[in-house]
Amino acid sequence: MKNVLITGASGFIGSFMVEEGLKRDFTVFAGIRKSSSRAYLQDPRIQFIEFDFSSVEALSRTLLELKGKGICFNFIIHNAGLTKAKKKEDFYRVNHGNTRNFIEALIQTGMVPGKFLFISSLAAYGPGDPKTMNPVRHSDEPKPIELYGKSKLEAEKYISGLKDFPWLILRPTGVYGPKEKDYFVFFRTISRGLEPYIGFKKQMLTFIYVRDLVRLAFDALISQVVCKAYFVADGREYDSVEFAAITKKALGKRTIRITVPLAIVKTIAIVGERVAGLFGEIPTLNTDKYNVLSSTNWRCETEPLQKDFEFKAEYDLEKGVKESLEWYKKEGWL
């Protein structure tokens, strides 16, 4: 039986990674922090490891203890990271710094796995050209527009620059599904009869349902492919109005459309960021968030996924949203 270590296992994507590993009969080690919730990690087959990613030394001690017990990893999925932070430096400290610490510790302790899969993001490359509307391609120059994406790109550069290290990188676009909290805010708003838009231009959006993402991740792990990076989406494209229409249909709701001009959103973001900056924090609506909301082209190439892994998404947006909403209702979120 193969061993897989999944970091960030207590989070939205991580918990589904654990579920998929168990489903495929892997021995699953869930890498978590001491303070992490285990609410979505209840299967008795899960083996927990508490990591302190803040230093190479702390990580090395933990890894050497595992090695002393005869535990090694055939595969590692490094999913731990920050998508939101109160301070700007936290993005780089966690998404780049902690990743680097972890890999250095793996190398120093002789615990390098057969394959190391890094979960990055389309944000590491940023949106596509709004004029040509061409999809973002691996051959393009990365142009991240937010701190999260910039910190992920730094981690990617470090990983891809390593010698004799068996890495793979997945860059998912918008990941949604049960337990996810950001798209849930949109679903909840629609359920309350409001249909919000930022600016008057439609956004071209791409998505990947979490179950499709984790299935692909494990297919990539057991493949012969190594030292390559991929954008991950379901292969379809949706505009912002279509996304709302699919959600309204699934909820059986009629809505009032509200459009806020970009200039107003930008002003609020700038003022809020300056005020919060006095306290060393980042507000929820900030210039990074504005950059994301105002970008109209989030298309990305998926042909390499189909070629190398014969990947075909099982969920389109309509099927995925329906299943997600059923879970939110069941759990009392909606």
C-alpha atoms as a PDB file:
ATOM      1  CA  MET A   1       0.000   0.000   0.000  1.00  0.00           C
ATOM      2  CA  LYS A   2       1.373   3.424  -1.008  1.00  0.00           C
ATOM      3  CA  ASN A   3       1.783   6.258   1.505  1.00  0.00           C
ATOM      4  CA  VAL A   4       0.667   9.804   0.749  1.00  0.00           C
ATOM      5  CA  LEU A   5       1.180  12.862   2.940  1.00  0.00           C
ATOM      6  CA  ILE A   6      -1.327  15.667   2.418  1.00  0.00           C
ATOM      7  CA  THR A   7      -0.503  19.023   3.993  1.00  0.00           C
ATOM      8  CA  GLY A   8      -3.275  21.509   4.680  1.00  0.00           C
ATOM      9  CA  ALA A   9      -5.465  18.451   5.174  1.00  0.00           C
ATOM     10  CA  SER A  10      -7.974  20.143   7.469  1.00  0.00           C
ATOM     11  CA  GLY A  11      -9.066  22.723   4.884  1.00  0.00           C
ATOM     12  CA  PHE A  12     -11.619  22.680   2.089  1.00  0.00           C
ATOM     13  CA  ILE A  13      -9.486  21.134  -0.672  1.00  0.00           C
ATOM     14  CA  GLY A  14      -7.255  19.199   1.725  1.00  0.00           C
ATOM     15  CA  SER A  15     -10.127  17.292   3.309  1.00  0.00           C
ATOM     16  CA  PHE A  16     -11.308  16.165  -0.132  1.00  0.00           C
ATOM     17  CA  MET A  17      -7.722  15.119  -0.964  1.00  0.00           C
ATOM     18  CA  VAL A  18      -7.745  12.931   2.149  1.00  0.00           C
ATOM     19  CA  GLU A  19     -11.098  11.439   1.146  1.00  0.00           C
ATOM     20  CA  GLU A  20      -9.816  10.627  -2.344  1.00  0.00           C
ATOM     21  CA  GLY A  21      -6.629   9.037  -1.007  1.00  0.00           C
ATOM     22  CA  LEU A  22      -8.597   6.750   1.301  1.00  0.00           C
ATOM     23  CA  LYS A  23     -10.963   5.886  -1.528  1.00  0.00           C
ATOM     24  CA  ARG A  24      -7.971   4.738  -3.574  1.00  0.00           C
ATOM     25  CA  ASP A  25      -6.608   2.622  -0.711  1.00  0.00           C
ATOM     26  CA  PHE A  26      -3.612   4.808   0.077  1.00  0.00           C
ATOM     27  CA  THR A  27      -2.255   5.017   3.588  1.00  0.00           C
ATOM     28  CA  VAL A  28      -3.104   8.656   4.197  1.00  0.00           C
ATOM     29  CA  PHE A  29      -1.111  10.921   6.484  1.00  0.00           C
ATOM     30  CA  ALA A  30      -2.877  14.212   7.191  1.00  0.00           C
ATOM     31  CA  GLY A  31      -0.404  17.038   7.749  1.00  0.00           C
ATOM     32  CA  ILE A  32      -1.987  19.643  10.019  1.00  0.00           C
ATOM     33  CA  ARG A  33      -1.101  22.373  12.478  1.00  0.00           C
ATOM     34  CA  LYS A  34      -1.590  21.864  16.198  1.00  0.00           C
ATOM     35  CA  SER A  35      -4.523  24.302  16.121  1.00  0.00           C
ATOM     36  CA  SER A  36      -6.186  22.801  13.022  1.00  0.00           C
ATOM     37  CA  SER A  37      -9.765  21.608  13.193  1.00  0.00           C
ATOM     38  CA  ARG A  38     -10.327  17.916  12.536  1.00  0.00           C
ATOM     39  CA  ALA A  39     -14.042  18.323  11.882  1.00  0.00           C
ATOM     40  CA  TYR A  40     -13.768  17.046   8.304  1.00  0.00           C
ATOM     41  CA  LEU A  41     -11.157  14.403   9.130  1.00  0.00           C
ATOM     42  CA  GLN A  42     -13.130  11.816  11.073  1.00  0.00           C
ATOM     43  CA  ASP A  43     -12.207   8.606   9.249  1.00  0.00           C
ATOM     44  CA  PRO A  44     -10.314   6.334  11.683  1.00  0.00           C
ATOM     45  CA  ARG A  45      -7.886   5.289   8.937  1.00  0.00           C
ATOM     46  CA  ILE A  46      -6.354   8.784   8.806  1.00  0.00           C
ATOM     47  CA  GLN A  47      -2.922   9.124  10.433  1.00  0.00           C
ATOM     48  CA  PHE A  48      -2.210  12.622  11.712  1.00  0.00           C
ATOM     49  CA  ILE A  49       1.101  14.465  11.725  1.00  0.00           C
ATOM     50  CA  GLU A  50       1.451  17.901  13.302  1.00  0.00           C
ATOM     51  CA  PHE A  51       3.896  20.164  11.474  1.00  0.00           C
ATOM     52  CA  ASP A  52       5.488  23.480  12.357  1.00  0.00           C
ATOM     53  CA  PHE A  53       6.375  24.945   8.966  1.00  0.00           C
ATOM     54  CA  SER A  54       7.983  28.063  10.415  1.00  0.00           C
ATOM     55  CA  SER A  55      11.519  26.658  10.329  1.00  0.00           C
ATOM     56  CA  VAL A  56      13.579  24.008   8.571  1.00  0.00           C
ATOM     57  CA  GLU A  57      14.849  22.825  11.955  1.00  0.00           C
ATOM     58  CA  ALA A  58      11.368  22.163  13.372  1.00  0.00           C
ATOM     59  CA  LEU A  59      10.313  20.345  10.224  1.00  0.00           C
ATOM     60  CA  SER A  60      13.506  18.282  10.163  1.00  0.00           C
ATOM     61  CA  ARG A  61      12.948  17.123  13.732  1.00  0.00           C
ATOM     62  CA  THR A  62       9.440  15.921  12.869  1.00  0.00           C
ATOM     63  CA  LEU A  63      10.597  14.218   9.681  1.00  0.00           C
ATOM     64  CA  LEU A  64      13.500  12.474  11.433  1.00  0.00           C
ATOM     65  CA  GLU A  65      11.128  11.175  14.096  1.00  0.00           C
ATOM     66  CA  LEU A  66       8.960   9.712  11.351  1.00  0.00           C
ATOM     67  CA  LYS A  67      11.985   8.262   9.591  1.00  0.00           C
ATOM     68  CA  GLY A  68      13.073   6.648  12.849  1.00  0.00           C
ATOM     69  CA  LYS A  69       9.697   4.891  12.980  1.00  0.00           C
ATOM     70  CA  GLY A  70      10.179   3.575   9.469  1.00  0.00           C
ATOM     71  CA  ILE A  71       7.703   6.015   7.920  1.00  0.00           C
ATOM     72  CA  CYS A  72       8.447   7.475   4.501  1.00  0.00           C
ATOM     73  CA  PHE A  73       6.221   8.930   1.803  1.00  0.00           C
ATOM     74  CA  ASN A  74       5.743   7.656  -1.717  1.00  0.00           C
ATOM     75  CA  PHE A  75       3.901  10.874  -2.521  1.00  0.00           C
ATOM     76  CA  ILE A  76       3.369  14.308  -0.990  1.00  0.00           C
ATOM     77  CA  ILE A  77       0.585  16.730  -1.891  1.00  0.00           C
ATOM     78  CA  HIS A  78       1.585  20.125  -0.540  1.00  0.00           C
ATOM     79  CA  ASN A  79      -1.743  21.877  -0.262  1.00  0.00           C
ATOM     80  CA  ALA A  80      -1.076  24.007   2.838  1.00  0.00           C
ATOM     81  CA  GLY A  81      -1.219  27.741   2.198  1.00  0.00           C
ATOM     82  CA  LEU A  82      -2.979  31.049   2.725  1.00  0.00           C
ATOM     83  CA  THR A  83      -5.645  32.467   0.431  1.00  0.00           C
ATOM     84  CA  LYS A  84      -6.398  35.343   2.821  1.00  0.00           C
ATOM     85  CA  ALA A  85      -4.231  37.181   5.313  1.00  0.00           C
ATOM     86  CA  LYS A  86      -4.444  40.181   7.618  1.00  0.00           C
ATOM     87  CA  LYS A  87      -0.879  41.226   6.804  1.00  0.00           C
ATOM     88  CA  LYS A  88       0.779  41.333   3.395  1.00  0.00           C
ATOM     89  CA  GLU A  89       3.950  39.600   4.540  1.00  0.00           C
ATOM     90  CA  ASP A  90       1.947  36.576   5.679  1.00  0.00           C
ATOM     91  CA  PHE A  91       1.297  35.526   2.078  1.00  0.00           C
ATOM     92  CA  TYR A  92       5.012  35.269   1.315  1.00  0.00           C
ATOM     93  CA  ARG A  93       5.878  33.798   4.702  1.00  0.00           C
ATOM     94  CA  VAL A  94       3.392  30.955   4.304  1.00  0.00           C
ATOM     95  CA  ASN A  95       2.937  30.323   0.584  1.00  0.00           C
ATOM     96  CA  HIS A  96       6.577  30.737  -0.385  1.00  0.00           C
ATOM     97  CA  GLY A  97       8.598  30.601   2.838  1.00  0.00           C
ATOM     98  CA  ASN A  98       6.896  27.599   4.411  1.00  0.00           C
ATOM     99  CA  THR A  99       6.997  25.690   1.131  1.00  0.00           C
ATOM    100  CA  ARG A 100      10.704  26.321   0.857  1.00  0.00           C
ATOM    101  CA  ASN A 101      11.274  25.302   4.482  1.00  0.00           C
ATOM    102  CA  PHE A 102       9.379  22.071   3.924  1.00  0.00           C
ATOM    103  CA  ILE A 103      11.284  21.062   0.799  1.00  0.00           C
ATOM    104  CA  GLU A 104      14.646  21.936   2.349  1.00  0.00           C
ATOM    105  CA  ALA A 105      13.775  19.774   5.350  1.00  0.00           C
ATOM    106  CA  LEU A 106      12.745  16.898   3.088  1.00  0.00           C
ATOM    107  CA  ILE A 107      16.064  17.111   1.253  1.00  0.00           C
ATOM    108  CA  GLN A 108      18.172  17.453   4.417  1.00  0.00           C
ATOM    109  CA  THR A 109      16.540  14.452   6.100  1.00  0.00           C
ATOM    110  CA  GLY A 110      16.572  12.221   3.030  1.00  0.00           C
ATOM    111  CA  MET A 111      12.763  12.159   2.991  1.00  0.00           C
ATOM    112  CA  VAL A 112      12.204  13.302  -0.612  1.00  0.00           C
ATOM    113  CA  PRO A 113       9.110  11.467  -1.921  1.00  0.00           C
ATOM    114  CA  GLY A 114       8.655   9.708  -5.240  1.00  0.00           C
ATOM    115  CA  LYS A 115       6.653  12.734  -6.337  1.00  0.00           C
ATOM    116  CA  PHE A 116       5.887  16.127  -4.759  1.00  0.00           C
ATOM    117  CA  LEU A 117       2.668  17.734  -5.980  1.00  0.00           C
ATOM    118  CA  PHE A 118       2.335  21.453  -5.294  1.00  0.00           C
ATOM    119  CA  ILE A 119      -1.165  22.938  -5.377  1.00  0.00           C
ATOM    120  CA  SER A 120      -0.698  26.416  -6.806  1.00  0.00           C
ATOM    121  CA  SER A 121      -3.310  28.578  -8.528  1.00  0.00           C
ATOM    122  CA  LEU A 122      -4.217  30.278 -11.794  1.00  0.00           C
ATOM    123  CA  ALA A 123      -3.642  33.421  -9.707  1.00  0.00           C
ATOM    124  CA  ALA A 124       0.102  32.736 -10.013  1.00  0.00           C
ATOM    125  CA  TYR A 125      -0.177  33.712 -13.693  1.00  0.00           C
ATOM    126  CA  GLY A 126      -3.005  36.209 -13.366  1.00  0.00           C
ATOM    127  CA  PRO A 127      -5.847  36.836 -15.831  1.00  0.00           C
ATOM    128  CA  GLY A 128      -5.625  36.698 -19.598  1.00  0.00           C
ATOM    129  CA  ASP A 129      -5.541  39.657 -21.977  1.00  0.00           C
ATOM    130  CA  PRO A 130      -8.901  41.488 -21.792  1.00  0.00           C
ATOM    131  CA  LYS A 131      -8.599  42.662 -25.410  1.00  0.00           C
ATOM    132  CA  THR A 132      -7.765  39.430 -27.224  1.00  0.00           C
ATOM    133  CA  MET A 133      -9.579  37.261 -24.616  1.00  0.00           C
ATOM    134  CA  ASN A 134      -7.049  34.525 -25.337  1.00  0.00           C
ATOM    135  CA  PRO A 135      -6.712  31.909 -22.585  1.00  0.00           C
ATOM    136  CA  VAL A 136      -3.736  31.994 -20.246  1.00  0.00           C
ATOM    137  CA  ARG A 137      -1.101  29.505 -21.417  1.00  0.00           C
ATOM    138  CA  HIS A 138       1.916  27.980 -19.725  1.00  0.00           C
ATOM    139  CA  SER A 139       4.149  29.684 -22.304  1.00  0.00           C
ATOM    140  CA  ASP A 140       2.852  33.126 -21.265  1.00  0.00           C
ATOM    141  CA  GLU A 141       4.773  35.401 -18.955  1.00  0.00           C
ATOM    142  CA  PRO A 142       3.213  35.216 -15.470  1.00  0.00           C
ATOM    143  CA  LYS A 143       1.565  38.486 -14.459  1.00  0.00           C
ATOM    144  CA  PRO A 144      -0.118  37.943 -11.080  1.00  0.00           C
ATOM    145  CA  ILE A 145      -2.284  40.835  -9.932  1.00  0.00           C
ATOM    146  CA  GLU A 146      -2.643  40.005  -6.228  1.00  0.00           C
ATOM    147  CA  LEU A 147      -0.369  39.125  -3.318  1.00  0.00           C
ATOM    148  CA  TYR A 148      -1.743  35.604  -3.104  1.00  0.00           C
ATOM    149  CA  GLY A 149      -0.839  34.905  -6.722  1.00  0.00           C
ATOM    150  CA  LYS A 150       2.555  36.581  -6.425  1.00  0.00           C
ATOM    151  CA  SER A 151       3.459  34.457  -3.398  1.00  0.00           C
ATOM    152  CA  LYS A 152       2.347  31.282  -5.184  1.00  0.00           C
ATOM    153  CA  LEU A 153       4.467  32.242  -8.190  1.00  0.00           C
ATOM    154  CA  GLU A 154       7.532  32.670  -5.960  1.00  0.00           C
ATOM    155  CA  ALA A 155       6.956  29.175  -4.583  1.00  0.00           C
ATOM    156  CA  GLU A 156       6.603  27.821  -8.126  1.00  0.00           C
ATOM    157  CA  LYS A 157       9.889  29.438  -9.183  1.00  0.00           C
ATOM    158  CA  TYR A 158      11.688  27.873  -6.249  1.00  0.00           C
ATOM    159  CA  ILE A 159      10.236  24.409  -6.885  1.00  0.00           C
ATOM    160  CA  SER A 160      10.809  24.387 -10.639  1.00  0.00           C
ATOM    161  CA  GLY A 161      14.418  25.507 -10.091  1.00  0.00           C
ATOM    162  CA  LEU A 162      15.309  22.473  -7.985  1.00  0.00           C
ATOM    163  CA  LYS A 163      17.575  19.777  -9.394  1.00  0.00           C
ATOM    164  CA  ASP A 164      16.825  16.079  -8.968  1.00  0.00           C
ATOM    165  CA  PHE A 165      13.536  16.841  -7.233  1.00  0.00           C
ATOM    166  CA  PRO A 166      10.394  15.113  -8.618  1.00  0.00           C
ATOM    167  CA  TRP A 167       7.825  17.922  -8.673  1.00  0.00           C
ATOM    168  CA  LEU A 168       4.484  18.552 -10.319  1.00  0.00           C
ATOM    169  CA  ILE A 169       2.449  21.760 -10.119  1.00  0.00           C
ATOM    170  CA  LEU A 170      -1.316  22.125 -10.525  1.00  0.00           C
ATOM    171  CA  ARG A 171      -2.790  25.611 -10.967  1.00  0.00           C
ATOM    172  CA  PRO A 172      -6.538  25.302 -10.457  1.00  0.00           C
ATOM    173  CA  THR A 173      -8.855  28.096 -11.443  1.00  0.00           C
ATOM    174  CA  GLY A 174     -11.871  28.845  -9.193  1.00  0.00           C
ATOM    175  CA  VAL A 175     -12.357  25.773  -6.987  1.00  0.00           C
ATOM    176  CA  TYR A 176     -15.848  25.314  -5.579  1.00  0.00           C
ATOM    177  CA  GLY A 177     -17.827  22.611  -3.812  1.00  0.00           C
ATOM    178  CA  PRO A 178     -19.158  21.585  -0.384  1.00  0.00           C
ATOM    179  CA  LYS A 179     -17.399  23.298   2.564  1.00  0.00           C
ATOM    180  CA  GLU A 180     -16.039  26.132   0.376  1.00  0.00           C
ATOM    181  CA  LYS A 181     -16.694  29.572   1.884  1.00  0.00           C
ATOM    182  CA  ASP A 182     -15.934  32.242  -0.746  1.00  0.00           C
ATOM    183  CA  TYR A 183     -18.340  31.158  -3.489  1.00  0.00           C
ATOM    184  CA  PHE A 184     -20.777  30.329  -0.710  1.00  0.00           C
ATOM    185  CA  VAL A 185     -21.089  34.081  -0.022  1.00  0.00           C
ATOM    186  CA  PHE A 186     -22.280  34.527  -3.619  1.00  0.00           C
ATOM    187  CA  PHE A 187     -24.709  31.595  -3.320  1.00  0.00           C
ATOM    188  CA  ARG A 188     -26.111  33.026  -0.086  1.00  0.00           C
ATOM    189  CA  THR A 189     -26.561  36.456  -1.669  1.00  0.00           C
ATOM    190  CA  ILE A 190     -28.494  34.914  -4.567  1.00  0.00           C
ATOM    191  CA  SER A 191     -30.610  32.922  -2.094  1.00  0.00           C
ATOM    192  CA  ARG A 192     -31.561  36.231  -0.471  1.00  0.00           C
ATOM    193  CA  GLY A 193     -32.847  37.588  -3.783  1.00  0.00           C
ATOM    194  CA  LEU A 194     -29.905  39.798  -4.764  1.00  0.00           C
ATOM    195  CA  GLU A 195     -27.729  39.407  -7.855  1.00  0.00           C
ATOM    196  CA  PRO A 196     -24.608  41.576  -7.460  1.00  0.00           C
ATOM    197  CA  TYR A 197     -22.182  42.630 -10.200  1.00  0.00           C
ATOM    198  CA  ILE A 198     -19.011  44.696 -10.100  1.00  0.00           C
ATOM    199  CA  GLY A 199     -18.763  46.876 -13.204  1.00  0.00           C
ATOM    200  CA  PHE A 200     -20.790  46.685 -16.403  1.00  0.00           C
ATOM    201  CA  LYS A 201     -18.611  44.238 -18.378  1.00  0.00           C
ATOM    202  CA  LYS A 202     -19.179  40.511 -18.127  1.00  0.00           C
ATOM    203  CA  GLN A 203     -16.372  38.456 -16.630  1.00  0.00           C
ATOM    204  CA  MET A 204     -15.365  35.295 -18.483  1.00  0.00           C
ATOM    205  CA  LEU A 205     -14.924  32.712 -15.729  1.00  0.00           C
ATOM    206  CA  THR A 206     -13.548  29.193 -15.420  1.00  0.00           C
ATOM    207  CA  PHE A 207     -14.137  26.704 -12.619  1.00  0.00           C
ATOM    208  CA  ILE A 208     -13.155  23.288 -11.335  1.00  0.00           C
ATOM    209  CA  TYR A 209     -15.324  21.259  -8.974  1.00  0.00           C
ATOM    210  CA  VAL A 210     -13.334  20.062  -5.983  1.00  0.00           C
ATOM    211  CA  ARG A 211     -14.014  16.359  -6.636  1.00  0.00           C
ATOM    212  CA  ASP A 212     -12.659  16.695 -10.180  1.00  0.00           C
ATOM    213  CA  LEU A 213      -9.570  18.480  -8.857  1.00  0.00           C
ATOM    214  CA  VAL A 214      -8.689  15.817  -6.285  1.00  0.00           C
ATOM    215  CA  ARG A 215      -9.316  13.018  -8.786  1.00  0.00           C
ATOM    216  CA  LEU A 216      -6.905  14.692 -11.190  1.00  0.00           C
ATOM    217  CA  ALA A 217      -4.353  15.204  -8.402  1.00  0.00           C
ATOM    218  CA  PHE A 218      -4.173  11.490  -7.673  1.00  0.00           C
ATOM    219  CA  ASP A 219      -4.137  10.566 -11.355  1.00  0.00           C
ATOM    220  CA  ALA A 220      -1.157  12.915 -11.704  1.00  0.00           C
ATOM    221  CA  LEU A 221       0.592  11.379  -8.688  1.00  0.00           C
ATOM    222  CA  ILE A 222       0.483   7.844 -10.029  1.00  0.00           C
ATOM    223  CA  SER A 223       1.366   8.872 -13.596  1.00  0.00           C
ATOM    224  CA  GLN A 224       4.847   8.872 -15.088  1.00  0.00           C
ATOM    225  CA  VAL A 225       4.670  12.632 -15.643  1.00  0.00           C
ATOM    226  CA  VAL A 226       7.123  14.708 -13.627  1.00  0.00           C
ATOM    227  CA  CYS A 227       8.544  18.242 -13.584  1.00  0.00           C
ATOM    228  CA  LYS A 228       5.601  19.847 -15.401  1.00  0.00           C
ATOM    229  CA  ALA A 229       2.927  22.392 -14.487  1.00  0.00           C
ATOM    230  CA  TYR A 230      -0.714  22.541 -15.538  1.00  0.00           C
ATOM    231  CA  PHE A 231      -3.695  24.882 -15.396  1.00  0.00           C
ATOM    232  CA  VAL A 232      -6.767  23.073 -14.111  1.00  0.00           C
ATOM    233  CA  ALA A 233     -10.347  23.853 -15.161  1.00  0.00           C
ATOM    234  CA  ASP A 234     -13.361  21.834 -16.235  1.00  0.00           C
ATOM    235  CA  GLY A 235     -12.754  22.678 -19.891  1.00  0.00           C
ATOM    236  CA  ARG A 236     -15.785  24.952 -20.161  1.00  0.00           C
ATOM    237  CA  GLU A 237     -16.197  28.720 -19.942  1.00  0.00           C
ATOM    238  CA  TYR A 238     -18.947  30.726 -18.288  1.00  0.00           C
ATOM    239  CA  ASP A 239     -19.683  34.417 -18.065  1.00  0.00           C
ATOM    240  CA  SER A 240     -20.719  36.032 -14.797  1.00  0.00           C
ATOM    241  CA  VAL A 241     -24.388  36.302 -15.834  1.00  0.00           C
ATOM    242  CA  GLU A 242     -24.495  32.598 -16.713  1.00  0.00           C
ATOM    243  CA  PHE A 243     -22.975  31.723 -13.313  1.00  0.00           C
ATOM    244  CA  ALA A 244     -25.756  33.673 -11.609  1.00  0.00           C
ATOM    245  CA  ALA A 245     -28.414  32.080 -13.841  1.00  0.00           C
ATOM    246  CA  ILE A 246     -27.221  28.572 -12.980  1.00  0.00           C
ATOM    247  CA  THR A 247     -27.298  29.428  -9.278  1.00  0.00           C
ATOM    248  CA  LYS A 248     -30.788  30.981  -9.483  1.00  0.00           C
ATOM    249  CA  LYS A 249     -32.102  27.925 -11.290  1.00  0.00           C
ATOM    250  CA  ALA A 250     -30.657  25.556  -8.703  1.00  0.00           C
ATOM    251  CA  LEU A 251     -32.097  27.627  -5.852  1.00  0.00           C
ATOM    252  CA  GLY A 252     -35.402  28.350  -7.572  1.00  0.00           C
ATOM    253  CA  LYS A 253     -34.931  32.069  -6.883  1.00  0.00           C
ATOM    254  CA  ARG A 254     -35.751  35.313  -8.620  1.00  0.00           C
ATOM    255  CA  THR A 255     -33.378  38.178  -7.967  1.00  0.00           C
ATOM    256  CA  ILE A 256     -32.910  41.917  -8.153  1.00  0.00           C
ATOM    257  CA  ARG A 257     -29.807  42.794 -10.147  1.00  0.00           C
ATOM    258  CA  ILE A 258     -27.458  45.300  -8.516  1.00  0.00           C
ATOM    259  CA  THR A 259     -24.467  46.672 -10.435  1.00  0.00           C
ATOM    260  CA  VAL A 260     -21.830  48.715  -8.619  1.00  0.00           C
ATOM    261  CA  PRO A 261     -19.583  50.824 -10.901  1.00  0.00           C
ATOM    262  CA  LEU A 262     -15.895  49.905 -10.821  1.00  0.00           C
ATOM    263  CA  ALA A 263     -14.907  53.455  -9.856  1.00  0.00           C
ATOM    264  CA  ILE A 264     -16.907  53.241  -6.630  1.00  0.00           C
ATOM    265  CA  VAL A 265     -15.498  49.801  -5.754  1.00  0.00           C
ATOM    266  CA  LYS A 266     -11.960  50.998  -6.434  1.00  0.00           C
ATOM    267  CA  THR A 267     -12.397  54.067  -4.237  1.00  0.00           C
ATOM    268  CA  ILE A 268     -13.745  51.972  -1.357  1.00  0.00           C
ATOM    269  CA  ALA A 269     -10.867  49.515  -1.766  1.00  0.00           C
ATOM    270  CA  ILE A 270      -8.183  52.219  -1.740  1.00  0.00           C
ATOM    271  CA  VAL A 271      -9.619  54.097   1.246  1.00  0.00           C
ATOM    272  CA  GLY A 272     -10.238  50.906   3.209  1.00  0.00           C
ATOM    273  CA  GLU A 273      -6.739  49.655   2.545  1.00  0.00           C
ATOM    274  CA  ARG A 274      -5.146  52.913   3.702  1.00  0.00           C
ATOM    275  CA  VAL A 275      -7.153  52.943   6.912  1.00  0.00           C
ATOM    276  CA  ALA A 276      -6.480  49.276   7.648  1.00  0.00           C
ATOM    277  CA  GLY A 277      -2.825  49.804   6.749  1.00  0.00           C
ATOM    278  CA  LEU A 278      -2.460  52.078   9.775  1.00  0.00           C
ATOM    279  CA  PHE A 279      -3.011  48.928  11.850  1.00  0.00           C
ATOM    280  CA  GLY A 280      -0.860  46.709   9.646  1.00  0.00           C
ATOM    281  CA  GLU A 281      -3.859  44.808   8.278  1.00  0.00           C
ATOM    282  CA  ILE A 282      -5.569  44.122   4.939  1.00  0.00           C
ATOM    283  CA  PRO A 283      -9.340  44.760   4.630  1.00  0.00           C
ATOM    284  CA  THR A 284     -11.620  42.243   2.908  1.00  0.00           C
ATOM    285  CA  LEU A 285     -12.213  44.636   0.009  1.00  0.00           C
ATOM    286  CA  ASN A 286      -8.734  45.798  -0.965  1.00  0.00           C
ATOM    287  CA  THR A 287      -6.900  46.752  -4.156  1.00  0.00           C
ATOM    288  CA  ASP A 288      -5.922  43.121  -4.771  1.00  0.00           C
ATOM    289  CA  LYS A 289      -9.557  42.082  -4.539  1.00  0.00           C
ATOM    290  CA  TYR A 290     -10.522  44.952  -6.835  1.00  0.00           C
ATOM    291  CA  ASN A 291      -7.958  43.786  -9.407  1.00  0.00           C
ATOM    292  CA  VAL A 292      -9.501  40.318  -9.371  1.00  0.00           C
ATOM    293  CA  LEU A 293     -13.111  41.527  -9.539  1.00  0.00           C
ATOM    294  CA  SER A 294     -12.388  43.931 -12.378  1.00  0.00           C
ATOM    295  CA  SER A 295     -10.512  41.403 -14.555  1.00  0.00           C
ATOM    296  CA  THR A 296     -12.701  40.097 -17.377  1.00  0.00           C
ATOM    297  CA  ASN A 297     -10.680  37.178 -18.743  1.00  0.00           C
ATOM    298  CA  TRP A 298     -10.078  34.147 -16.503  1.00  0.00           C
ATOM    299  CA  ARG A 299      -9.805  31.646 -19.349  1.00  0.00           C
ATOM    300  CA  CYS A 300      -6.935  29.134 -19.260  1.00  0.00           C
ATOM    301  CA  GLU A 301      -5.684  26.278 -21.425  1.00  0.00           C
ATOM    302  CA  THR A 302      -6.681  22.756 -20.412  1.00  0.00           C
ATOM    303  CA  GLU A 303      -5.515  20.775 -23.443  1.00  0.00           C
ATOM    304  CA  PRO A 304      -2.307  19.563 -21.703  1.00  0.00           C
ATOM    305  CA  LEU A 305      -4.433  17.940 -18.964  1.00  0.00           C
ATOM    306  CA  GLN A 306      -6.392  16.023 -21.562  1.00  0.00           C
ATOM    307  CA  LYS A 307      -3.235  14.967 -23.376  1.00  0.00           C
ATOM    308  CA  ASP A 308      -1.115  13.862 -20.397  1.00  0.00           C
ATOM    309  CA  PHE A 309      -3.782  12.498 -18.031  1.00  0.00           C
ATOM    310  CA  GLU A 310      -6.794  11.937 -20.317  1.00  0.00           C
ATOM    311  CA  PHE A 311      -8.589  14.265 -17.949  1.00  0.00           C
ATOM    312  CA  LYS A 312     -12.258  14.965 -18.499  1.00  0.00           C
ATOM    313  CA  ALA A 313     -14.245  16.732 -15.806  1.00  0.00           C
ATOM    314  CA  GLU A 314     -17.230  14.810 -14.455  1.00  0.00           C
ATOM    315  CA  TYR A 315     -18.864  18.026 -13.254  1.00  0.00           C
ATOM    316  CA  ASP A 316     -19.878  21.031 -15.288  1.00  0.00           C
ATOM    317  CA  LEU A 317     -20.913  24.152 -13.383  1.00  0.00           C
ATOM    318  CA  GLU A 318     -24.606  23.274 -13.314  1.00  0.00           C
ATOM    319  CA  LYS A 319     -24.025  19.816 -11.824  1.00  0.00           C
ATOM    320  CA  GLY A 320     -21.389  21.081  -9.383  1.00  0.00           C
ATOM    321  CA  VAL A 321     -23.442  24.039  -8.142  1.00  0.00           C
ATOM    322  CA  LYS A 322     -26.469  21.807  -7.619  1.00  0.00           C
ATOM    323  CA  GLU A 323     -24.488  19.312  -5.531  1.00  0.00           C
ATOM    324  CA  SER A 324     -22.816  22.111  -3.561  1.00  0.00           C
ATOM    325  CA  LEU A 325     -26.105  23.816  -2.744  1.00  0.00           C
ATOM    326  CA  GLU A 326     -27.602  20.527  -1.607  1.00  0.00           C
ATOM    327  CA  TRP A 327     -24.721  20.153   0.857  1.00  0.00           C
ATOM    328  CA  TYR A 328     -25.045  23.755   2.118  1.00  0.00           C
ATOM    329  CA  LYS A 329     -28.748  23.226   2.726  1.00  0.00           C
ATOM    330  CA  LYS A 330     -28.202  19.886   4.445  1.00  0.00           C
ATOM    331  CA  GLU A 331     -25.582  21.398   6.756  1.00  0.00           C
ATOM    332  CA  GLY A 332     -27.710  24.427   7.568  1.00  0.00           C
ATOM    333  CA  TRP A 333     -25.511  26.958   5.787  1.00  0.00           C
ATOM    334  CA  LEU A 334     -28.429  28.000   3.576  1.00  0.00           C
END
